[in-house]
């Protein structure tokens, strides 16, 4: 098994605590409201496993994440994708480490570290990461637009 790591930073005019609440703390409720392709997000067991189910006909049926850390004081979350169509037969898991920090005039910078844990001797291609990054940024921009249009939400 190999590990390929990518880092990324994104800035936004949204305050870090608001963005953290929307993307991390209340994502189970908010994401299905904002993304029609997401049917629901279910918590399993003690709540540390989250299963995101997609609507019928979607190219992805579901994604399952293991939540390792949700630190609302330091605005940090760590989780891993442990199951789902995205992993296919080449990836064991994908780990995410996100930190939301104050930046500029009340906005924030979201810093992410993504680790792809591959099966066997498979080497991840940059294009595969770029596609995943693109989808993650689409979600980020949808939430950002919602928060900009609704300044009292998660305030």
Protein backbone atom coordinates (compact mmCIF):
# COMPACT_ATOMS: atom_id res chain seq x y z
CA UNK A 1 0.00 0.00 0.00
CA UNK A 2 1.24 3.46 -0.90
CA UNK A 3 0.26 6.89 0.32
CA UNK A 4 0.04 9.99 -1.85
CA UNK A 5 -0.48 13.34 -0.11
CA UNK A 6 -1.83 16.63 -1.44
CA UNK A 7 -2.28 19.97 0.34
CA UNK A 8 -4.66 22.75 -0.62
CA UNK A 9 -5.74 26.15 0.74
CA UNK A 10 -8.92 28.05 -0.06
CA UNK A 11 -9.87 31.50 1.18
CA UNK A 12 -13.40 32.76 1.66
CA UNK A 13 -15.08 35.84 3.13
CA UNK A 14 -17.06 33.54 5.48
CA UNK A 15 -15.99 33.54 9.14
CA UNK A 16 -14.21 30.32 10.15
CA UNK A 17 -16.72 29.37 12.87
CA UNK A 18 -19.69 29.74 10.50
CA UNK A 19 -18.03 27.68 7.79
CA UNK A 20 -16.98 24.99 10.27
CA UNK A 21 -20.53 24.75 11.65
CA UNK A 22 -21.99 24.44 8.14
CA UNK A 23 -19.44 22.07 6.58
CA UNK A 24 -18.65 19.95 9.63
CA UNK A 25 -21.04 20.23 12.57
CA UNK A 26 -24.36 20.42 10.68
CA UNK A 27 -23.33 18.87 7.36
CA UNK A 28 -25.75 15.94 7.85
CA UNK A 29 -28.66 18.39 7.58
CA UNK A 30 -27.27 21.10 5.32
CA UNK A 31 -25.65 19.14 2.47
CA UNK A 32 -28.80 17.20 1.45
CA UNK A 33 -30.71 20.53 1.39
CA UNK A 34 -28.15 22.21 -0.88
CA UNK A 35 -27.18 19.30 -3.12
CA UNK A 36 -30.12 17.56 -4.84
CA UNK A 37 -27.98 14.54 -5.76
CA UNK A 38 -27.50 13.74 -2.04
CA UNK A 39 -30.51 11.84 -0.72
CA UNK A 40 -29.45 11.89 2.94
CA UNK A 41 -26.60 11.42 5.40
CA UNK A 42 -27.04 8.75 8.05
CA UNK A 43 -25.05 8.34 11.25
CA UNK A 44 -24.19 4.75 12.11
CA UNK A 45 -23.26 3.19 15.43
CA UNK A 46 -21.94 5.79 17.86
CA UNK A 47 -22.16 8.49 15.17
CA UNK A 48 -18.51 8.24 14.12
CA UNK A 49 -19.52 6.59 10.84
CA UNK A 50 -21.44 8.75 8.35
CA UNK A 51 -23.02 7.29 5.22
CA UNK A 52 -23.88 9.75 2.45
CA UNK A 53 -26.54 8.23 0.19
CA UNK A 54 -27.09 9.57 -3.33
CA UNK A 55 -30.35 9.65 -5.28
CA UNK A 56 -31.19 6.82 -7.64
CA UNK A 57 -29.53 7.23 -11.02
CA UNK A 58 -26.52 9.07 -9.61
CA UNK A 59 -23.11 7.71 -10.70
CA UNK A 60 -22.26 7.28 -7.01
CA UNK A 61 -24.52 5.18 -4.78
CA UNK A 62 -22.99 6.07 -1.42
CA UNK A 63 -19.86 7.19 0.45
CA UNK A 64 -19.02 6.11 3.96
CA UNK A 65 -16.77 8.22 6.19
CA UNK A 66 -15.15 7.45 9.55
CA UNK A 67 -14.97 10.61 11.69
CA UNK A 68 -11.76 10.70 13.74
CA UNK A 69 -11.79 14.26 15.14
CA UNK A 70 -14.27 17.14 15.32
CA UNK A 71 -12.61 19.88 17.36
CA UNK A 72 -14.97 22.86 17.41
CA UNK A 73 -12.61 24.86 19.65
CA UNK A 74 -9.67 24.71 17.21
CA UNK A 75 -11.91 24.35 14.11
CA UNK A 76 -10.26 21.12 12.99
CA UNK A 77 -11.76 17.93 11.61
CA UNK A 78 -10.15 14.67 10.53
CA UNK A 79 -12.02 11.92 8.75
CA UNK A 80 -11.50 9.11 6.25
CA UNK A 81 -13.54 7.80 3.34
CA UNK A 82 -13.61 4.08 4.10
CA UNK A 83 -16.24 2.80 1.65
CA UNK A 84 -17.99 3.79 -1.54
CA UNK A 85 -17.88 3.72 -5.30
CA UNK A 86 -15.20 6.42 -5.45
CA UNK A 87 -12.60 4.10 -3.89
CA UNK A 88 -13.03 1.42 -6.54
CA UNK A 89 -10.48 -1.38 -6.48
CA UNK A 90 -7.42 0.92 -6.44
CA UNK A 91 -7.91 2.84 -3.20
CA UNK A 92 -8.09 1.48 0.34
CA UNK A 93 -9.18 4.82 1.82
CA UNK A 94 -8.83 8.59 1.56
CA UNK A 95 -7.96 10.61 4.68
CA UNK A 96 -8.82 14.28 5.10
CA UNK A 97 -7.43 16.77 7.61
CA UNK A 98 -9.16 20.19 7.52
CA UNK A 99 -8.41 23.32 9.51
CA UNK A 100 -10.37 26.58 9.37
CA UNK A 101 -8.35 29.68 10.32
CA UNK A 102 -9.22 33.38 10.53
CA UNK A 103 -8.00 35.36 7.53
CA UNK A 104 -8.47 38.88 6.21
CA UNK A 105 -11.47 40.98 7.22
CA UNK A 106 -13.52 38.36 9.05
CA UNK A 107 -13.03 35.62 6.46
CA UNK A 108 -11.08 32.41 6.70
CA UNK A 109 -8.64 30.14 5.00
CA UNK A 110 -9.47 26.45 4.84
CA UNK A 111 -6.33 24.32 4.83
CA UNK A 112 -6.63 20.70 3.78
CA UNK A 113 -4.35 17.69 3.64
CA UNK A 114 -5.64 14.75 1.63
CA UNK A 115 -3.96 11.35 1.78
CA UNK A 116 -4.83 8.63 -0.72
CA UNK A 117 -4.08 5.14 0.60
CA UNK A 118 -3.72 2.90 -2.44
CA UNK A 119 -4.03 -0.86 -2.77
CA UNK A 120 -1.02 -2.88 -3.80
CA UNK A 121 1.50 -1.01 -5.92
CA UNK A 122 -1.03 1.30 -7.57
CA UNK A 123 0.24 4.86 -8.05
CA UNK A 124 -2.42 7.59 -7.91
CA UNK A 125 -2.53 9.91 -10.92
CA UNK A 126 -2.77 13.68 -10.44
CA UNK A 127 -5.90 13.68 -12.65
CA UNK A 128 -7.67 11.41 -10.16
CA UNK A 129 -6.89 13.76 -7.29
CA UNK A 130 -7.86 16.79 -9.40
CA UNK A 131 -11.31 15.29 -10.09
CA UNK A 132 -11.90 14.67 -6.36
CA UNK A 133 -10.61 18.15 -5.54
CA UNK A 134 -12.98 19.64 -8.13
CA UNK A 135 -15.98 17.90 -6.56
CA UNK A 136 -14.94 19.00 -3.07
CA UNK A 137 -14.60 22.60 -4.26
CA UNK A 138 -18.07 22.46 -5.83
CA UNK A 139 -19.51 21.55 -2.43
CA UNK A 140 -17.42 24.27 -0.76
CA UNK A 141 -18.66 26.92 -3.21
CA UNK A 142 -22.30 25.85 -2.81
CA UNK A 143 -22.05 26.17 0.98
CA UNK A 144 -20.16 29.44 0.68
CA UNK A 145 -22.87 30.91 -1.59
CA UNK A 146 -25.59 29.75 0.80
CA UNK A 147 -23.84 31.37 3.78
CA UNK A 148 -23.25 34.62 1.87
CA UNK A 149 -26.94 34.75 0.90
CA UNK A 150 -28.03 33.92 4.49
CA UNK A 151 -25.75 35.92 6.82
CA UNK A 152 -27.65 35.00 10.00
CA UNK A 153 -27.38 31.22 9.43
CA UNK A 154 -24.77 29.61 11.75
CA UNK A 155 -23.88 33.07 13.11
